[in-house]
Amino acid sequence: MFNDLQKRKVEFFAILYIVALFSPFLLKSFSQEWAAFGGTLIWLLASIAYFFAYLQVVSKLPGADRYFVTWSISTYFPQRLFKAALFFAIVMLWLLSSVVYEAIFG
């Protein structure tokens, strides 16, 4: 399991990730287009960054604990957010690729 320092690190990255998820709503006050494209791009980058930051913290744990805090049943919020970050990264990458495809071939 996480020690106190690792737990604080993971929780800090989780807070930054949540702030990044709310950033499109702030961009919406400037421009609808920037909120759509910029928000999607920010969500993609934040998801990838959180995913790798969580894995970096987990990599310092013993082998059995590594699997437990990464892929087992989630009860800890940063652990659930880790799984959601992977899903969001895939979805945002798909959305951005479809926008690029429309811009080029549409």
PDB file of N, CA and C in Angstrom:
ATOM      1  N   MET A   1       0.834  -1.184   0.000  1.00  0.00           N
ATOM      2  CA  MET A   1       0.000   0.000   0.000  1.00  0.00           C
ATOM      3  C   MET A   1       0.884   1.256   0.000  1.00  0.00           C
ATOM      4  N   PHE A   2       0.242   2.382  -0.180  1.00  0.00           N
ATOM      5  CA  PHE A   2       0.968   3.651  -0.224  1.00  0.00           C
ATOM      6  C   PHE A   2       1.422   4.075   1.168  1.00  0.00           C
ATOM      7  N   ASN A   3       2.623   4.651   1.248  1.00  0.00           N
ATOM      8  CA  ASN A   3       3.010   5.305   2.490  1.00  0.00           C
ATOM      9  C   ASN A   3       2.458   6.739   2.434  1.00  0.00           C
ATOM     10  N   ASP A   4       2.677   7.518   3.475  1.00  0.00           N
ATOM     11  CA  ASP A   4       2.082   8.855   3.534  1.00  0.00           C
ATOM     12  C   ASP A   4       2.563   9.770   2.420  1.00  0.00           C
ATOM     13  N   LEU A   5       3.852   9.737   2.111  1.00  0.00           N
ATOM     14  CA  LEU A   5       4.390  10.590   1.057  1.00  0.00           C
ATOM     15  C   LEU A   5       3.803  10.214  -0.303  1.00  0.00           C
ATOM     16  N   GLN A   6       3.737   8.929  -0.590  1.00  0.00           N
ATOM     17  CA  GLN A   6       3.165   8.486  -1.861  1.00  0.00           C
ATOM     18  C   GLN A   6       1.680   8.828  -1.943  1.00  0.00           C
ATOM     19  N   LYS A   7       0.986   8.695  -0.830  1.00  0.00           N
ATOM     20  CA  LYS A   7      -0.440   9.021  -0.813  1.00  0.00           C
ATOM     21  C   LYS A   7      -0.653  10.511  -1.086  1.00  0.00           C
ATOM     22  N   ARG A   8       0.173  11.369  -0.493  1.00  0.00           N
ATOM     23  CA  ARG A   8       0.058  12.807  -0.743  1.00  0.00           C
ATOM     24  C   ARG A   8       0.371  13.140  -2.200  1.00  0.00           C
ATOM     25  N   LYS A   9       1.378  12.468  -2.756  1.00  0.00           N
ATOM     26  CA  LYS A   9       1.735  12.696  -4.161  1.00  0.00           C
ATOM     27  C   LYS A   9       0.586  12.321  -5.088  1.00  0.00           C
ATOM     28  N   VAL A  10       0.014  11.150  -4.866  1.00  0.00           N
ATOM     29  CA  VAL A  10      -1.092  10.681  -5.707  1.00  0.00           C
ATOM     30  C   VAL A  10      -2.303  11.589  -5.551  1.00  0.00           C
ATOM     31  N   GLU A  11      -2.590  12.018  -4.339  1.00  0.00           N
ATOM     32  CA  GLU A  11      -3.728  12.902  -4.115  1.00  0.00           C
ATOM     33  C   GLU A  11      -3.490  14.283  -4.731  1.00  0.00           C
ATOM     34  N   PHE A  12      -2.265  14.768  -4.698  1.00  0.00           N
ATOM     35  CA  PHE A  12      -1.933  16.048  -5.341  1.00  0.00           C
ATOM     36  C   PHE A  12      -2.147  15.965  -6.848  1.00  0.00           C
ATOM     37  N   PHE A  13      -1.667  14.888  -7.473  1.00  0.00           N
ATOM     38  CA  PHE A  13      -1.872  14.718  -8.906  1.00  0.00           C
ATOM     39  C   PHE A  13      -3.350  14.560  -9.237  1.00  0.00           C
ATOM     40  N   ALA A  14      -4.107  13.918  -8.360  1.00  0.00           N
ATOM     41  CA  ALA A  14      -5.548  13.767  -8.579  1.00  0.00           C
ATOM     42  C   ALA A  14      -6.249  15.122  -8.538  1.00  0.00           C
ATOM     43  N   ILE A  15      -5.836  15.983  -7.625  1.00  0.00           N
ATOM     44  CA  ILE A  15      -6.429  17.326  -7.552  1.00  0.00           C
ATOM     45  C   ILE A  15      -6.105  18.120  -8.816  1.00  0.00           C
ATOM     46  N   LEU A  16      -4.857  18.045  -9.271  1.00  0.00           N
ATOM     47  CA  LEU A  16      -4.499  18.730 -10.519  1.00  0.00           C
ATOM     48  C   LEU A  16      -5.300  18.202 -11.695  1.00  0.00           C
ATOM     49  N   TYR A  17      -5.524  16.910 -11.721  1.00  0.00           N
ATOM     50  CA  TYR A  17      -6.300  16.301 -12.802  1.00  0.00           C
ATOM     51  C   TYR A  17      -7.747  16.782 -12.777  1.00  0.00           C
ATOM     52  N   ILE A  18      -8.342  16.869 -11.608  1.00  0.00           N
ATOM     53  CA  ILE A  18      -9.720  17.361 -11.493  1.00  0.00           C
ATOM     54  C   ILE A  18      -9.807  18.819 -11.937  1.00  0.00           C
ATOM     55  N   VAL A  19      -8.823  19.627 -11.565  1.00  0.00           N
ATOM     56  CA  VAL A  19      -8.791  21.027 -12.002  1.00  0.00           C
ATOM     57  C   VAL A  19      -8.712  21.098 -13.525  1.00  0.00           C
ATOM     58  N   ALA A  20      -7.899  20.238 -14.127  1.00  0.00           N
ATOM     59  CA  ALA A  20      -7.791  20.216 -15.595  1.00  0.00           C
ATOM     60  C   ALA A  20      -9.104  19.805 -16.237  1.00  0.00           C
ATOM     61  N   LEU A  21      -9.868  18.936 -15.583  1.00  0.00           N
ATOM     62  CA  LEU A  21     -11.152  18.524 -16.147  1.00  0.00           C
ATOM     63  C   LEU A  21     -12.176  19.661 -16.140  1.00  0.00           C
ATOM     64  N   PHE A  22     -12.004  20.628 -15.254  1.00  0.00           N
ATOM     65  CA  PHE A  22     -12.922  21.762 -15.214  1.00  0.00           C
ATOM     66  C   PHE A  22     -12.469  22.935 -16.087  1.00  0.00           C
ATOM     67  N   SER A  23     -11.284  22.866 -16.650  1.00  0.00           N
ATOM     68  CA  SER A  23     -10.754  23.977 -17.448  1.00  0.00           C
ATOM     69  C   SER A  23     -11.576  24.323 -18.689  1.00  0.00           C
ATOM     70  N   PRO A  24     -12.221  23.377 -19.384  1.00  0.00           N
ATOM     71  CA  PRO A  24     -13.025  23.782 -20.546  1.00  0.00           C
ATOM     72  C   PRO A  24     -14.168  24.731 -20.186  1.00  0.00           C
ATOM     73  N   PHE A  25     -14.681  24.608 -18.990  1.00  0.00           N
ATOM     74  CA  PHE A  25     -15.758  25.502 -18.577  1.00  0.00           C
ATOM     75  C   PHE A  25     -15.253  26.939 -18.409  1.00  0.00           C
ATOM     76  N   LEU A  26     -13.980  27.081 -18.026  1.00  0.00           N
ATOM     77  CA  LEU A  26     -13.381  28.412 -17.952  1.00  0.00           C
ATOM     78  C   LEU A  26     -13.102  28.955 -19.349  1.00  0.00           C
ATOM     79  N   LEU A  27     -12.668  28.085 -20.253  1.00  0.00           N
ATOM     80  CA  LEU A  27     -12.401  28.508 -21.635  1.00  0.00           C
ATOM     81  C   LEU A  27     -13.682  28.923 -22.363  1.00  0.00           C
ATOM     82  N   LYS A  28     -14.803  28.390 -21.930  1.00  0.00           N
ATOM     83  CA  LYS A  28     -16.077  28.684 -22.579  1.00  0.00           C
ATOM     84  C   LYS A  28     -16.434  30.161 -22.481  1.00  0.00           C
ATOM     85  N   SER A  29     -15.931  30.836 -21.454  1.00  0.00           N
ATOM     86  CA  SER A  29     -16.220  32.262 -21.318  1.00  0.00           C
ATOM     87  C   SER A  29     -15.508  33.093 -22.387  1.00  0.00           C
ATOM     88  N   PHE A  30     -14.439  32.553 -22.975  1.00  0.00           N
ATOM     89  CA  PHE A  30     -13.716  33.249 -24.034  1.00  0.00           C
ATOM     90  C   PHE A  30     -14.265  32.914 -25.409  1.00  0.00           C
ATOM     91  N   SER A  31     -14.422  31.640 -25.693  1.00  0.00           N
ATOM     92  CA  SER A  31     -14.847  31.227 -27.020  1.00  0.00           C
ATOM     93  C   SER A  31     -15.388  29.805 -26.968  1.00  0.00           C
ATOM     94  N   GLN A  32     -16.466  29.573 -27.690  1.00  0.00           N
ATOM     95  CA  GLN A  32     -17.063  28.241 -27.743  1.00  0.00           C
ATOM     96  C   GLN A  32     -16.135  27.244 -28.448  1.00  0.00           C
ATOM     97  N   GLU A  33     -15.484  27.704 -29.521  1.00  0.00           N
ATOM     98  CA  GLU A  33     -14.592  26.819 -30.276  1.00  0.00           C
ATOM     99  C   GLU A  33     -13.367  26.431 -29.450  1.00  0.00           C
ATOM    100  N   TRP A  34     -12.805  27.424 -28.732  1.00  0.00           N
ATOM    101  CA  TRP A  34     -11.642  27.128 -27.892  1.00  0.00           C
ATOM    102  C   TRP A  34     -12.024  26.186 -26.760  1.00  0.00           C
ATOM    103  N   ALA A  35     -13.223  26.325 -26.262  1.00  0.00           N
ATOM    104  CA  ALA A  35     -13.665  25.430 -25.192  1.00  0.00           C
ATOM    105  C   ALA A  35     -13.794  24.005 -25.711  1.00  0.00           C
ATOM    106  N   ALA A  36     -14.286  23.849 -26.931  1.00  0.00           N
ATOM    107  CA  ALA A  36     -14.462  22.509 -27.488  1.00  0.00           C
ATOM    108  C   ALA A  36     -13.118  21.870 -27.827  1.00  0.00           C
ATOM    109  N   PHE A  37     -12.309  22.555 -28.613  1.00  0.00           N
ATOM    110  CA  PHE A  37     -11.034  21.970 -29.036  1.00  0.00           C
ATOM    111  C   PHE A  37     -10.012  21.987 -27.900  1.00  0.00           C
ATOM    112  N   GLY A  38      -9.857  23.137 -27.259  1.00  0.00           N
ATOM    113  CA  GLY A  38      -8.882  23.253 -26.174  1.00  0.00           C
ATOM    114  C   GLY A  38      -9.222  22.361 -25.000  1.00  0.00           C
ATOM    115  N   GLY A  39     -10.506  22.259 -24.687  1.00  0.00           N
ATOM    116  CA  GLY A  39     -10.917  21.390 -23.590  1.00  0.00           C
ATOM    117  C   GLY A  39     -10.614  19.936 -23.866  1.00  0.00           C
ATOM    118  N   THR A  40     -10.873  19.515 -25.092  1.00  0.00           N
ATOM    119  CA  THR A  40     -10.578  18.137 -25.468  1.00  0.00           C
ATOM    120  C   THR A  40      -9.083  17.874 -25.410  1.00  0.00           C
ATOM    121  N   LEU A  41      -8.299  18.816 -25.904  1.00  0.00           N
ATOM    122  CA  LEU A  41      -6.849  18.659 -25.875  1.00  0.00           C
ATOM    123  C   LEU A  41      -6.316  18.663 -24.441  1.00  0.00           C
ATOM    124  N   ILE A  42      -6.842  19.555 -23.608  1.00  0.00           N
ATOM    125  CA  ILE A  42      -6.422  19.604 -22.199  1.00  0.00           C
ATOM    126  C   ILE A  42      -6.807  18.312 -21.483  1.00  0.00           C
ATOM    127  N   TRP A  43      -8.006  17.796 -21.741  1.00  0.00           N
ATOM    128  CA  TRP A  43      -8.426  16.542 -21.109  1.00  0.00           C
ATOM    129  C   TRP A  43      -7.529  15.391 -21.547  1.00  0.00           C
ATOM    130  N   LEU A  44      -7.159  15.378 -22.820  1.00  0.00           N
ATOM    131  CA  LEU A  44      -6.284  14.317 -23.306  1.00  0.00           C
ATOM    132  C   LEU A  44      -4.919  14.389 -22.615  1.00  0.00           C
ATOM    133  N   LEU A  45      -4.320  15.564 -22.609  1.00  0.00           N
ATOM    134  CA  LEU A  45      -2.995  15.720 -22.000  1.00  0.00           C
ATOM    135  C   LEU A  45      -3.037  15.465 -20.493  1.00  0.00           C
ATOM    136  N   ALA A  46      -4.076  15.945 -19.823  1.00  0.00           N
ATOM    137  CA  ALA A  46      -4.194  15.737 -18.378  1.00  0.00           C
ATOM    138  C   ALA A  46      -4.405  14.256 -18.056  1.00  0.00           C
ATOM    139  N   SER A  47      -5.169  13.566 -18.873  1.00  0.00           N
ATOM    140  CA  SER A  47      -5.391  12.136 -18.643  1.00  0.00           C
ATOM    141  C   SER A  47      -4.103  11.349 -18.795  1.00  0.00           C
ATOM    142  N   ILE A  48      -3.349  11.645 -19.841  1.00  0.00           N
ATOM    143  CA  ILE A  48      -2.077  10.955 -20.057  1.00  0.00           C
ATOM    144  C   ILE A  48      -1.096  11.289 -18.943  1.00  0.00           C
ATOM    145  N   ALA A  49      -1.036  12.559 -18.554  1.00  0.00           N
ATOM    146  CA  ALA A  49      -0.116  12.973 -17.489  1.00  0.00           C
ATOM    147  C   ALA A  49      -0.476  12.312 -16.162  1.00  0.00           C
ATOM    148  N   TYR A  50      -1.761  12.266 -15.815  1.00  0.00           N
ATOM    149  CA  TYR A  50      -2.157  11.631 -14.562  1.00  0.00           C
ATOM    150  C   TYR A  50      -1.876  10.135 -14.599  1.00  0.00           C
ATOM    151  N   PHE A  51      -2.154   9.499 -15.727  1.00  0.00           N
ATOM    152  CA  PHE A  51      -1.912   8.072 -15.876  1.00  0.00           C
ATOM    153  C   PHE A  51      -0.449   7.745 -15.603  1.00  0.00           C
ATOM    154  N   PHE A  52       0.461   8.500 -16.221  1.00  0.00           N
ATOM    155  CA  PHE A  52       1.881   8.219 -16.032  1.00  0.00           C
ATOM    156  C   PHE A  52       2.392   8.669 -14.664  1.00  0.00           C
ATOM    157  N   ALA A  53       1.834   9.737 -14.104  1.00  0.00           N
ATOM    158  CA  ALA A  53       2.237  10.165 -12.761  1.00  0.00           C
ATOM    159  C   ALA A  53       1.832   9.119 -11.730  1.00  0.00           C
ATOM    160  N   TYR A  54       0.636   8.569 -11.878  1.00  0.00           N
ATOM    161  CA  TYR A  54       0.186   7.517 -10.959  1.00  0.00           C
ATOM    162  C   TYR A  54       1.065   6.278 -11.095  1.00  0.00           C
ATOM    163  N   LEU A  55       1.375   5.888 -12.333  1.00  0.00           N
ATOM    164  CA  LEU A  55       2.233   4.724 -12.548  1.00  0.00           C
ATOM    165  C   LEU A  55       3.635   4.952 -11.998  1.00  0.00           C
ATOM    166  N   GLN A  56       4.132   6.178 -12.063  1.00  0.00           N
ATOM    167  CA  GLN A  56       5.455   6.489 -11.533  1.00  0.00           C
ATOM    168  C   GLN A  56       5.480   6.308 -10.024  1.00  0.00           C
ATOM    169  N   VAL A  57       4.439   6.743  -9.334  1.00  0.00           N
ATOM    170  CA  VAL A  57       4.368   6.573  -7.883  1.00  0.00           C
ATOM    171  C   VAL A  57       4.214   5.092  -7.539  1.00  0.00           C
ATOM    172  N   VAL A  58       3.377   4.385  -8.300  1.00  0.00           N
ATOM    173  CA  VAL A  58       3.128   2.968  -8.034  1.00  0.00           C
ATOM    174  C   VAL A  58       4.368   2.117  -8.313  1.00  0.00           C
ATOM    175  N   SER A  59       5.211   2.548  -9.241  1.00  0.00           N
ATOM    176  CA  SER A  59       6.387   1.751  -9.604  1.00  0.00           C
ATOM    177  C   SER A  59       7.367   1.579  -8.442  1.00  0.00           C
ATOM    178  N   LYS A  60       7.252   2.403  -7.427  1.00  0.00           N
ATOM    179  CA  LYS A  60       8.144   2.306  -6.272  1.00  0.00           C
ATOM    180  C   LYS A  60       7.614   1.354  -5.201  1.00  0.00           C
ATOM    181  N   LEU A  61       6.464   0.741  -5.437  1.00  0.00           N
ATOM    182  CA  LEU A  61       5.890  -0.206  -4.482  1.00  0.00           C
ATOM    183  C   LEU A  61       6.381  -1.623  -4.773  1.00  0.00           C
ATOM    184  N   PRO A  62       6.304  -2.522  -3.786  1.00  0.00           N
ATOM    185  CA  PRO A  62       6.627  -3.925  -4.047  1.00  0.00           C
ATOM    186  C   PRO A  62       5.663  -4.530  -5.076  1.00  0.00           C
ATOM    187  N   GLY A  63       6.068  -5.599  -5.719  1.00  0.00           N
ATOM    188  CA  GLY A  63       5.315  -6.189  -6.828  1.00  0.00           C
ATOM    189  C   GLY A  63       3.865  -6.514  -6.529  1.00  0.00           C
ATOM    190  N   ALA A  64       3.580  -7.158  -5.394  1.00  0.00           N
ATOM    191  CA  ALA A  64       2.205  -7.536  -5.061  1.00  0.00           C
ATOM    192  C   ALA A  64       1.342  -6.300  -4.822  1.00  0.00           C
ATOM    193  N   ASP A  65       1.890  -5.294  -4.181  1.00  0.00           N
ATOM    194  CA  ASP A  65       1.138  -4.069  -3.930  1.00  0.00           C
ATOM    195  C   ASP A  65       0.908  -3.282  -5.211  1.00  0.00           C
ATOM    196  N   ARG A  66       1.850  -3.360  -6.133  1.00  0.00           N
ATOM    197  CA  ARG A  66       1.727  -2.645  -7.401  1.00  0.00           C
ATOM    198  C   ARG A  66       0.456  -3.045  -8.138  1.00  0.00           C
ATOM    199  N   TYR A  67       0.220  -4.331  -8.246  1.00  0.00           N
ATOM    200  CA  TYR A  67      -0.983  -4.809  -8.923  1.00  0.00           C
ATOM    201  C   TYR A  67      -2.223  -4.401  -8.137  1.00  0.00           C
ATOM    202  N   PHE A  68      -2.167  -4.521  -6.823  1.00  0.00           N
ATOM    203  CA  PHE A  68      -3.324  -4.223  -5.982  1.00  0.00           C
ATOM    204  C   PHE A  68      -3.773  -2.765  -6.122  1.00  0.00           C
ATOM    205  N   VAL A  69      -2.838  -1.820  -6.074  1.00  0.00           N
ATOM    206  CA  VAL A  69      -3.221  -0.407  -6.123  1.00  0.00           C
ATOM    207  C   VAL A  69      -3.445   0.090  -7.548  1.00  0.00           C
ATOM    208  N   THR A  70      -3.146  -0.755  -8.548  1.00  0.00           N
ATOM    209  CA  THR A  70      -3.346  -0.338  -9.922  1.00  0.00           C
ATOM    210  C   THR A  70      -4.609  -0.937 -10.524  1.00  0.00           C
ATOM    211  N   TRP A  71      -4.762  -2.247 -10.475  1.00  0.00           N
ATOM    212  CA  TRP A  71      -5.835  -2.887 -11.239  1.00  0.00           C
ATOM    213  C   TRP A  71      -6.872  -3.619 -10.412  1.00  0.00           C
ATOM    214  N   SER A  72      -6.733  -3.718  -9.103  1.00  0.00           N
ATOM    215  CA  SER A  72      -7.726  -4.454  -8.322  1.00  0.00           C
ATOM    216  C   SER A  72      -8.984  -3.604  -8.132  1.00  0.00           C
ATOM    217  N   ILE A  73      -9.889  -4.090  -7.334  1.00  0.00           N
ATOM    218  CA  ILE A  73     -11.140  -3.372  -7.081  1.00  0.00           C
ATOM    219  C   ILE A  73     -10.822  -2.025  -6.452  1.00  0.00           C
ATOM    220  N   SER A  74     -11.399  -0.987  -7.005  1.00  0.00           N
ATOM    221  CA  SER A  74     -11.053   0.380  -6.595  1.00  0.00           C
ATOM    222  C   SER A  74     -11.945   0.865  -5.465  1.00  0.00           C
ATOM    223  N   THR A  75     -11.323   1.286  -4.385  1.00  0.00           N
ATOM    224  CA  THR A  75     -12.048   1.938  -3.310  1.00  0.00           C
ATOM    225  C   THR A  75     -11.458   3.315  -3.021  1.00  0.00           C
ATOM    226  N   TYR A  76     -10.250   3.539  -3.448  1.00  0.00           N
ATOM    227  CA  TYR A  76      -9.527   4.781  -3.208  1.00  0.00           C
ATOM    228  C   TYR A  76      -9.729   5.682  -4.425  1.00  0.00           C
ATOM    229  N   PHE A  77     -10.151   6.942  -4.210  1.00  0.00           N
ATOM    230  CA  PHE A  77     -10.514   7.830  -5.310  1.00  0.00           C
ATOM    231  C   PHE A  77      -9.414   8.015  -6.360  1.00  0.00           C
ATOM    232  N   PRO A  78      -8.155   8.265  -5.977  1.00  0.00           N
ATOM    233  CA  PRO A  78      -7.117   8.368  -7.011  1.00  0.00           C
ATOM    234  C   PRO A  78      -6.953   7.096  -7.838  1.00  0.00           C
ATOM    235  N   GLN A  79      -7.231   5.949  -7.241  1.00  0.00           N
ATOM    236  CA  GLN A  79      -7.162   4.696  -7.979  1.00  0.00           C
ATOM    237  C   GLN A  79      -8.297   4.630  -9.007  1.00  0.00           C
ATOM    238  N   ARG A  80      -9.477   5.060  -8.643  1.00  0.00           N
ATOM    239  CA  ARG A  80     -10.595   5.114  -9.598  1.00  0.00           C
ATOM    240  C   ARG A  80     -10.303   6.129 -10.698  1.00  0.00           C
ATOM    241  N   LEU A  81      -9.714   7.235 -10.315  1.00  0.00           N
ATOM    242  CA  LEU A  81      -9.363   8.267 -11.286  1.00  0.00           C
ATOM    243  C   LEU A  81      -8.308   7.761 -12.261  1.00  0.00           C
ATOM    244  N   PHE A  82      -7.403   6.910 -11.796  1.00  0.00           N
ATOM    245  CA  PHE A  82      -6.400   6.304 -12.667  1.00  0.00           C
ATOM    246  C   PHE A  82      -7.077   5.493 -13.776  1.00  0.00           C
ATOM    247  N   LYS A  83      -8.063   4.704 -13.413  1.00  0.00           N
ATOM    248  CA  LYS A  83      -8.779   3.905 -14.401  1.00  0.00           C
ATOM    249  C   LYS A  83      -9.599   4.790 -15.330  1.00  0.00           C
ATOM    250  N   ALA A  84     -10.183   5.852 -14.786  1.00  0.00           N
ATOM    251  CA  ALA A  84     -10.948   6.781 -15.618  1.00  0.00           C
ATOM    252  C   ALA A  84     -10.034   7.551 -16.561  1.00  0.00           C
ATOM    253  N   ALA A  85      -8.823   7.859 -16.114  1.00  0.00           N
ATOM    254  CA  ALA A  85      -7.879   8.604 -16.960  1.00  0.00           C
ATOM    255  C   ALA A  85      -7.532   7.808 -18.211  1.00  0.00           C
ATOM    256  N   LEU A  86      -7.383   6.512 -18.067  1.00  0.00           N
ATOM    257  CA  LEU A  86      -7.112   5.667 -19.236  1.00  0.00           C
ATOM    258  C   LEU A  86      -8.290   5.712 -20.204  1.00  0.00           C
ATOM    259  N   PHE A  87      -9.497   5.607 -19.676  1.00  0.00           N
ATOM    260  CA  PHE A  87     -10.694   5.678 -20.518  1.00  0.00           C
ATOM    261  C   PHE A  87     -10.808   7.041 -21.193  1.00  0.00           C
ATOM    262  N   PHE A  88     -10.634   8.133 -20.421  1.00  0.00           N
ATOM    263  CA  PHE A  88     -10.715   9.479 -20.995  1.00  0.00           C
ATOM    264  C   PHE A  88      -9.654   9.714 -22.060  1.00  0.00           C
ATOM    265  N   ALA A  89      -8.453   9.208 -21.845  1.00  0.00           N
ATOM    266  CA  ALA A  89      -7.386   9.382 -22.830  1.00  0.00           C
ATOM    267  C   ALA A  89      -7.753   8.718 -24.147  1.00  0.00           C
ATOM    268  N   ILE A  90      -8.304   7.519 -24.082  1.00  0.00           N
ATOM    269  CA  ILE A  90      -8.705   6.816 -25.306  1.00  0.00           C
ATOM    270  C   ILE A  90      -9.834   7.558 -26.012  1.00  0.00           C
ATOM    271  N   VAL A  91     -10.826   8.004 -25.251  1.00  0.00           N
ATOM    272  CA  VAL A  91     -11.963   8.716 -25.846  1.00  0.00           C
ATOM    273  C   VAL A  91     -11.530  10.052 -26.444  1.00  0.00           C
ATOM    274  N   MET A  92     -10.715  10.805 -25.738  1.00  0.00           N
ATOM    275  CA  MET A  92     -10.278  12.108 -26.246  1.00  0.00           C
ATOM    276  C   MET A  92      -9.373  11.968 -27.463  1.00  0.00           C
ATOM    277  N   LEU A  93      -8.542  10.944 -27.476  1.00  0.00           N
ATOM    278  CA  LEU A  93      -7.710  10.688 -28.649  1.00  0.00           C
ATOM    279  C   LEU A  93      -8.577  10.351 -29.859  1.00  0.00           C
ATOM    280  N   TRP A  94      -9.617   9.579 -29.632  1.00  0.00           N
ATOM    281  CA  TRP A  94     -10.547   9.246 -30.708  1.00  0.00           C
ATOM    282  C   TRP A  94     -11.282  10.498 -31.194  1.00  0.00           C
ATOM    283  N   LEU A  95     -11.731  11.345 -30.276  1.00  0.00           N
ATOM    284  CA  LEU A  95     -12.423  12.574 -30.668  1.00  0.00           C
ATOM    285  C   LEU A  95     -11.519  13.511 -31.462  1.00  0.00           C
ATOM    286  N   LEU A  96     -10.289  13.692 -30.993  1.00  0.00           N
ATOM    287  CA  LEU A  96      -9.359  14.564 -31.710  1.00  0.00           C
ATOM    288  C   LEU A  96      -9.004  13.996 -33.079  1.00  0.00           C
ATOM    289  N   SER A  97      -8.848  12.690 -33.175  1.00  0.00           N
ATOM    290  CA  SER A  97      -8.532  12.113 -34.485  1.00  0.00           C
ATOM    291  C   SER A  97      -9.708  12.244 -35.440  1.00  0.00           C
ATOM    292  N   SER A  98     -10.932  12.165 -34.943  1.00  0.00           N
ATOM    293  CA  SER A  98     -12.088  12.346 -35.819  1.00  0.00           C
ATOM    294  C   SER A  98     -12.216  13.793 -36.275  1.00  0.00           C
ATOM    295  N   VAL A  99     -11.855  14.749 -35.432  1.00  0.00           N
ATOM    296  CA  VAL A  99     -11.874  16.164 -35.824  1.00  0.00           C
ATOM    297  C   VAL A  99     -10.819  16.423 -36.894  1.00  0.00           C
ATOM    298  N   VAL A 100      -9.646  15.877 -36.687  1.00  0.00           N
ATOM    299  CA  VAL A 100      -8.566  16.044 -37.687  1.00  0.00           C
ATOM    300  C   VAL A 100      -8.960  15.393 -39.003  1.00  0.00           C
ATOM    301  N   TYR A 101      -9.567  14.212 -38.934  1.00  0.00           N
ATOM    302  CA  TYR A 101     -10.004  13.524 -40.149  1.00  0.00           C
ATOM    303  C   TYR A 101     -11.054  14.364 -40.896  1.00  0.00           C
ATOM    304  N   GLU A 102     -12.005  14.932 -40.167  1.00  0.00           N
ATOM    305  CA  GLU A 102     -13.028  15.798 -40.779  1.00  0.00           C
ATOM    306  C   GLU A 102     -12.403  17.037 -41.399  1.00  0.00           C
ATOM    307  N   ALA A 103     -11.416  17.598 -40.718  1.00  0.00           N
ATOM    308  CA  ALA A 103     -10.770  18.812 -41.229  1.00  0.00           C
ATOM    309  C   ALA A 103      -9.998  18.517 -42.526  1.00  0.00           C
ATOM    310  N   ILE A 104      -9.403  17.363 -42.613  1.00  0.00           N
ATOM    311  CA  ILE A 104      -8.596  17.024 -43.785  1.00  0.00           C
ATOM    312  C   ILE A 104      -9.462  16.512 -44.934  1.00  0.00           C
ATOM    313  N   PHE A 105     -10.361  15.572 -44.652  1.00  0.00           N
ATOM    314  CA  PHE A 105     -11.112  14.903 -45.715  1.00  0.00           C
ATOM    315  C   PHE A 105     -12.556  15.360 -45.824  1.00  0.00           C
ATOM    316  N   GLY A 106     -13.034  16.138 -44.872  1.00  0.00           N
ATOM    317  CA  GLY A 106     -14.448  16.522 -44.862  1.00  0.00           C
ATOM    318  C   GLY A 106     -14.668  17.790 -45.552  1.00  0.00           C
TER     319      GLY A 106
END
